[in-house]
Amino acid sequence: MSAMGWDAEDVALLKRLWAAGQSAAQIARRLGCSRNAVCGMLTRSGLKRGHKPPTARPKIRPAPKLRPALSAACDHPVAKKVSRKVTERQQPQELSKRQLYAILAEAVRNTG
């Protein structure tokens, strides 16, 4: 089979092997092309297998019971307690009319 050309025999074999459950890599080795070429032809042919069942058999263990103090969003103890008290913001200082005019005059000089 050439690198780009798919003849009717190759496509028929691809469909048979795919229906038999072979992987794209297995089919590629059999046809003598790349796995990506097989995946491309499967996509163009509209063939899908759906989700492959997991091959591993994970052992599902029950979650450990947490102490009530640690049952928050994270199971690691917090290093130090953060105060919830909102710190008061300092109010800006009052400026006199003379100071405001001086600031305004300086701003005008800098922008002109």
N, C-alpha and C. Protein backbone atom coordinates (compact mmCIF):
# COMPACT_ATOMS: atom_id res chain seq x y z
N MET A 1 0.84 -1.17 0.00
CA MET A 1 0.00 0.00 0.00
C MET A 1 0.88 1.24 0.00
N SER A 2 0.54 2.23 -0.78
CA SER A 2 1.34 3.45 -0.83
C SER A 2 1.02 4.31 0.38
N ALA A 3 1.83 5.33 0.57
CA ALA A 3 1.70 6.17 1.76
C ALA A 3 0.37 6.91 1.81
N MET A 4 -0.16 7.32 0.66
CA MET A 4 -1.36 8.13 0.67
C MET A 4 -2.58 7.42 0.09
N GLY A 5 -2.37 6.38 -0.70
CA GLY A 5 -3.49 5.79 -1.43
C GLY A 5 -4.16 4.64 -0.69
N TRP A 6 -5.48 4.72 -0.58
CA TRP A 6 -6.26 3.66 0.01
C TRP A 6 -7.10 3.04 -1.09
N ASP A 7 -6.85 1.77 -1.38
CA ASP A 7 -7.72 1.13 -2.38
C ASP A 7 -8.88 0.44 -1.66
N ALA A 8 -9.81 -0.08 -2.42
CA ALA A 8 -11.02 -0.67 -1.85
C ALA A 8 -10.70 -1.86 -0.95
N GLU A 9 -9.70 -2.65 -1.32
CA GLU A 9 -9.32 -3.82 -0.49
C GLU A 9 -8.82 -3.38 0.88
N ASP A 10 -7.96 -2.34 0.87
CA ASP A 10 -7.41 -1.86 2.15
C ASP A 10 -8.52 -1.32 3.06
N VAL A 11 -9.44 -0.56 2.49
CA VAL A 11 -10.53 0.00 3.28
C VAL A 11 -11.42 -1.11 3.82
N ALA A 12 -11.68 -2.13 3.00
CA ALA A 12 -12.51 -3.25 3.44
C ALA A 12 -11.83 -4.01 4.59
N LEU A 13 -10.51 -4.24 4.44
CA LEU A 13 -9.76 -4.93 5.49
C LEU A 13 -9.75 -4.08 6.77
N LEU A 14 -9.54 -2.78 6.60
CA LEU A 14 -9.55 -1.88 7.75
C LEU A 14 -10.88 -1.99 8.50
N LYS A 15 -11.98 -1.96 7.77
CA LYS A 15 -13.30 -2.03 8.41
C LYS A 15 -13.53 -3.37 9.10
N ARG A 16 -13.07 -4.46 8.47
CA ARG A 16 -13.23 -5.78 9.09
C ARG A 16 -12.42 -5.88 10.38
N LEU A 17 -11.16 -5.43 10.33
CA LEU A 17 -10.30 -5.52 11.51
C LEU A 17 -10.81 -4.61 12.63
N TRP A 18 -11.31 -3.43 12.26
CA TRP A 18 -11.85 -2.50 13.26
C TRP A 18 -13.09 -3.10 13.92
N ALA A 19 -13.95 -3.71 13.10
CA ALA A 19 -15.16 -4.33 13.64
C ALA A 19 -14.81 -5.51 14.53
N ALA A 20 -13.68 -6.17 14.25
CA ALA A 20 -13.25 -7.31 15.06
C ALA A 20 -12.62 -6.87 16.38
N GLY A 21 -12.44 -5.56 16.54
CA GLY A 21 -11.93 -5.07 17.82
C GLY A 21 -10.44 -4.81 17.86
N GLN A 22 -9.77 -4.85 16.71
CA GLN A 22 -8.34 -4.57 16.71
C GLN A 22 -8.10 -3.08 16.88
N SER A 23 -6.96 -2.74 17.46
CA SER A 23 -6.63 -1.33 17.67
C SER A 23 -6.10 -0.72 16.38
N ALA A 24 -6.05 0.60 16.36
CA ALA A 24 -5.53 1.30 15.18
C ALA A 24 -4.07 0.93 14.95
N ALA A 25 -3.30 0.75 16.00
CA ALA A 25 -1.89 0.39 15.86
C ALA A 25 -1.75 -1.02 15.26
N GLN A 26 -2.59 -1.96 15.70
CA GLN A 26 -2.54 -3.32 15.16
C GLN A 26 -2.90 -3.32 13.67
N ILE A 27 -3.93 -2.54 13.32
CA ILE A 27 -4.35 -2.47 11.93
C ILE A 27 -3.26 -1.83 11.09
N ALA A 28 -2.62 -0.80 11.63
CA ALA A 28 -1.54 -0.12 10.90
C ALA A 28 -0.39 -1.07 10.61
N ARG A 29 -0.02 -1.88 11.58
CA ARG A 29 1.07 -2.85 11.36
C ARG A 29 0.66 -3.85 10.28
N ARG A 30 -0.58 -4.29 10.33
CA ARG A 30 -1.07 -5.26 9.35
C ARG A 30 -1.08 -4.68 7.93
N LEU A 31 -1.48 -3.38 7.80
CA LEU A 31 -1.57 -2.76 6.49
C LEU A 31 -0.25 -2.14 6.03
N GLY A 32 0.70 -2.00 6.96
CA GLY A 32 1.99 -1.42 6.59
C GLY A 32 1.94 0.09 6.44
N CYS A 33 1.16 0.75 7.28
CA CYS A 33 1.09 2.21 7.24
C CYS A 33 1.16 2.72 8.67
N SER A 34 1.02 4.03 8.84
CA SER A 34 1.10 4.60 10.19
C SER A 34 -0.25 4.50 10.90
N ARG A 35 -0.18 4.57 12.21
CA ARG A 35 -1.40 4.56 13.02
C ARG A 35 -2.24 5.78 12.70
N ASN A 36 -1.58 6.95 12.46
CA ASN A 36 -2.33 8.16 12.14
C ASN A 36 -3.08 8.01 10.82
N ALA A 37 -2.49 7.29 9.86
CA ALA A 37 -3.18 7.07 8.59
C ALA A 37 -4.44 6.24 8.81
N VAL A 38 -4.35 5.24 9.69
CA VAL A 38 -5.51 4.41 10.00
C VAL A 38 -6.58 5.24 10.71
N CYS A 39 -6.15 6.05 11.68
CA CYS A 39 -7.11 6.90 12.41
C CYS A 39 -7.79 7.88 11.47
N GLY A 40 -7.04 8.44 10.54
CA GLY A 40 -7.62 9.35 9.57
C GLY A 40 -8.66 8.68 8.71
N MET A 41 -8.36 7.47 8.23
CA MET A 41 -9.32 6.77 7.37
C MET A 41 -10.56 6.36 8.18
N LEU A 42 -10.37 5.98 9.43
CA LEU A 42 -11.51 5.65 10.29
C LEU A 42 -12.42 6.87 10.46
N THR A 43 -11.81 8.03 10.67
CA THR A 43 -12.58 9.26 10.82
C THR A 43 -13.32 9.59 9.54
N ARG A 44 -12.63 9.50 8.40
CA ARG A 44 -13.26 9.81 7.12
C ARG A 44 -14.36 8.81 6.79
N SER A 45 -14.22 7.58 7.26
CA SER A 45 -15.24 6.56 7.01
C SER A 45 -16.40 6.66 7.99
N GLY A 46 -16.24 7.50 9.01
CA GLY A 46 -17.30 7.66 10.00
C GLY A 46 -17.39 6.52 10.98
N LEU A 47 -16.30 5.79 11.14
CA LEU A 47 -16.31 4.65 12.06
C LEU A 47 -15.89 5.10 13.46
N LYS A 48 -16.67 4.72 14.45
CA LYS A 48 -16.35 5.01 15.84
C LYS A 48 -16.54 3.74 16.63
N ARG A 49 -15.74 3.60 17.64
CA ARG A 49 -15.89 2.42 18.49
C ARG A 49 -16.54 2.80 19.80
N GLY A 50 -16.57 4.07 20.13
CA GLY A 50 -17.09 4.46 21.43
C GLY A 50 -15.98 4.41 22.45
N HIS A 51 -16.33 4.40 23.69
CA HIS A 51 -15.32 4.39 24.74
C HIS A 51 -14.86 2.97 25.01
N LYS A 52 -13.55 2.83 25.07
CA LYS A 52 -12.95 1.54 25.36
C LYS A 52 -13.09 1.28 26.86
N PRO A 53 -13.50 0.09 27.26
CA PRO A 53 -13.61 -0.18 28.69
C PRO A 53 -12.22 -0.17 29.33
N PRO A 54 -12.11 0.25 30.57
CA PRO A 54 -10.79 0.31 31.21
C PRO A 54 -10.21 -1.09 31.36
N THR A 55 -8.90 -1.17 31.12
CA THR A 55 -8.23 -2.47 31.22
C THR A 55 -7.77 -2.74 32.65
N ALA A 56 -7.49 -1.68 33.40
CA ALA A 56 -7.04 -1.87 34.77
C ALA A 56 -8.25 -2.13 35.66
N ARG A 57 -8.04 -2.84 36.72
CA ARG A 57 -9.11 -3.07 37.68
C ARG A 57 -8.71 -2.39 38.99
N PRO A 58 -9.05 -1.12 39.13
CA PRO A 58 -8.62 -0.41 40.33
C PRO A 58 -9.32 -0.94 41.57
N LYS A 59 -8.58 -0.96 42.66
CA LYS A 59 -9.14 -1.39 43.93
C LYS A 59 -9.73 -0.17 44.61
N ILE A 60 -11.02 -0.16 44.80
CA ILE A 60 -11.69 0.99 45.38
C ILE A 60 -11.75 0.80 46.89
N ARG A 61 -11.14 1.74 47.59
CA ARG A 61 -11.11 1.67 49.05
C ARG A 61 -12.03 2.74 49.60
N PRO A 62 -12.62 2.49 50.76
CA PRO A 62 -13.48 3.52 51.35
C PRO A 62 -12.63 4.72 51.78
N ALA A 63 -13.22 5.89 51.72
CA ALA A 63 -12.51 7.10 52.12
C ALA A 63 -12.25 7.06 53.62
N PRO A 64 -11.08 7.55 54.03
CA PRO A 64 -10.79 7.54 55.47
C PRO A 64 -11.71 8.51 56.19
N LYS A 65 -12.07 8.15 57.42
CA LYS A 65 -12.92 9.02 58.22
C LYS A 65 -12.07 10.15 58.76
N LEU A 66 -12.55 11.36 58.57
CA LEU A 66 -11.80 12.53 59.01
C LEU A 66 -12.33 13.00 60.35
N ARG A 67 -11.45 13.57 61.12
CA ARG A 67 -11.88 14.19 62.37
C ARG A 67 -12.71 15.42 62.02
N PRO A 68 -13.66 15.79 62.85
CA PRO A 68 -14.53 16.92 62.52
C PRO A 68 -13.76 18.21 62.23
N ALA A 69 -12.64 18.45 62.90
CA ALA A 69 -11.91 19.69 62.69
C ALA A 69 -11.25 19.72 61.31
N LEU A 70 -11.01 18.55 60.73
CA LEU A 70 -10.31 18.50 59.46
C LEU A 70 -11.24 18.22 58.29
N SER A 71 -12.52 18.24 58.49
CA SER A 71 -13.42 17.88 57.41
C SER A 71 -13.74 19.05 56.48
N ALA A 72 -12.93 20.08 56.53
CA ALA A 72 -13.13 21.24 55.65
C ALA A 72 -12.67 20.89 54.24
N ALA A 73 -12.44 21.91 53.43
CA ALA A 73 -12.08 21.69 52.03
C ALA A 73 -10.75 20.97 51.87
N CYS A 74 -9.89 21.04 52.84
CA CYS A 74 -8.58 20.40 52.72
C CYS A 74 -8.34 19.54 53.94
N ASP A 75 -7.68 18.39 53.74
CA ASP A 75 -7.49 17.53 54.89
C ASP A 75 -6.15 17.73 55.57
N HIS A 76 -5.45 18.81 55.27
CA HIS A 76 -4.20 19.11 55.96
C HIS A 76 -4.48 20.17 57.02
N PRO A 77 -3.90 20.02 58.20
CA PRO A 77 -4.15 21.04 59.22
C PRO A 77 -3.55 22.38 58.79
N VAL A 78 -4.23 23.44 59.16
CA VAL A 78 -3.76 24.77 58.81
C VAL A 78 -2.67 25.16 59.79
N ALA A 79 -1.57 25.76 59.27
CA ALA A 79 -0.42 26.08 60.10
C ALA A 79 -0.77 27.10 61.18
N LYS A 80 -1.44 28.18 60.80
CA LYS A 80 -1.80 29.16 61.81
C LYS A 80 -3.19 29.68 61.49
N LYS A 81 -3.87 30.10 62.52
CA LYS A 81 -5.24 30.57 62.35
C LYS A 81 -5.21 32.00 61.84
N VAL A 82 -6.00 32.25 60.82
CA VAL A 82 -6.06 33.58 60.25
C VAL A 82 -7.23 34.31 60.89
N SER A 83 -6.97 35.53 61.30
CA SER A 83 -8.01 36.33 61.95
C SER A 83 -9.05 36.74 60.91
N ARG A 84 -10.30 36.66 61.29
CA ARG A 84 -11.38 37.06 60.40
C ARG A 84 -11.70 38.55 60.57
N LYS A 85 -11.06 39.20 61.51
CA LYS A 85 -11.34 40.60 61.76
C LYS A 85 -10.83 41.44 60.60
N VAL A 86 -11.68 42.28 60.08
CA VAL A 86 -11.27 43.14 58.97
C VAL A 86 -10.47 44.30 59.54
N THR A 87 -9.29 44.49 58.97
CA THR A 87 -8.47 45.59 59.46
C THR A 87 -9.05 46.90 58.96
N GLU A 88 -9.00 47.89 59.81
CA GLU A 88 -9.53 49.19 59.43
C GLU A 88 -8.56 49.87 58.49
N ARG A 89 -9.10 50.45 57.46
CA ARG A 89 -8.27 51.18 56.53
C ARG A 89 -8.05 52.58 57.06
N GLN A 90 -6.83 53.05 56.86
CA GLN A 90 -6.54 54.41 57.32
C GLN A 90 -7.19 55.40 56.36
N GLN A 91 -7.81 56.39 56.93
CA GLN A 91 -8.42 57.43 56.12
C GLN A 91 -7.34 58.35 55.57
N PRO A 92 -7.50 58.79 54.32
CA PRO A 92 -6.50 59.72 53.79
C PRO A 92 -6.52 61.02 54.59
N GLN A 93 -5.34 61.63 54.66
CA GLN A 93 -5.27 62.85 55.47
C GLN A 93 -6.01 64.00 54.78
N GLU A 94 -6.55 64.88 55.58
CA GLU A 94 -7.25 66.05 55.06
C GLU A 94 -6.22 67.04 54.53
N LEU A 95 -6.48 67.59 53.34
CA LEU A 95 -5.57 68.57 52.76
C LEU A 95 -6.24 69.94 52.82
N SER A 96 -5.39 70.92 53.06
CA SER A 96 -5.93 72.28 53.09
C SER A 96 -6.17 72.76 51.66
N LYS A 97 -6.91 73.87 51.55
CA LYS A 97 -7.20 74.43 50.24
C LYS A 97 -5.90 74.83 49.54
N ARG A 98 -4.95 75.37 50.28
CA ARG A 98 -3.67 75.80 49.72
C ARG A 98 -2.91 74.59 49.17
N GLN A 99 -2.91 73.46 49.92
CA GLN A 99 -2.21 72.25 49.46
C GLN A 99 -2.87 71.70 48.19
N LEU A 100 -4.20 71.72 48.15
CA LEU A 100 -4.89 71.24 46.95
C LEU A 100 -4.56 72.08 45.73
N TYR A 101 -4.51 73.42 45.92
CA TYR A 101 -4.15 74.30 44.80
C TYR A 101 -2.72 74.04 44.33
N ALA A 102 -1.82 73.78 45.28
CA ALA A 102 -0.43 73.51 44.92
C ALA A 102 -0.32 72.21 44.11
N ILE A 103 -1.07 71.20 44.51
CA ILE A 103 -1.07 69.92 43.79
C ILE A 103 -1.64 70.11 42.39
N LEU A 104 -2.73 70.88 42.30
CA LEU A 104 -3.36 71.14 41.01
C LEU A 104 -2.43 71.93 40.08
N ALA A 105 -1.76 72.94 40.63
CA ALA A 105 -0.84 73.75 39.83
C ALA A 105 0.31 72.90 39.31
N GLU A 106 0.83 72.02 40.15
CA GLU A 106 1.94 71.14 39.72
C GLU A 106 1.46 70.18 38.64
N ALA A 107 0.25 69.67 38.75
CA ALA A 107 -0.30 68.77 37.74
C ALA A 107 -0.46 69.48 36.40
N VAL A 108 -0.91 70.73 36.45
CA VAL A 108 -1.07 71.51 35.22
C VAL A 108 0.28 71.74 34.56
N ARG A 109 1.29 72.06 35.36
CA ARG A 109 2.65 72.27 34.81
C ARG A 109 3.19 70.99 34.17
N ASN A 110 2.91 69.84 34.78
CA ASN A 110 3.45 68.57 34.27
C ASN A 110 2.73 68.10 33.01
N THR A 111 1.51 68.52 32.82
CA THR A 111 0.76 68.05 31.64
C THR A 111 0.85 69.02 30.48
N GLY A 112 1.34 70.25 30.71
CA GLY A 112 1.33 71.26 29.66
C GLY A 112 2.52 71.26 28.83
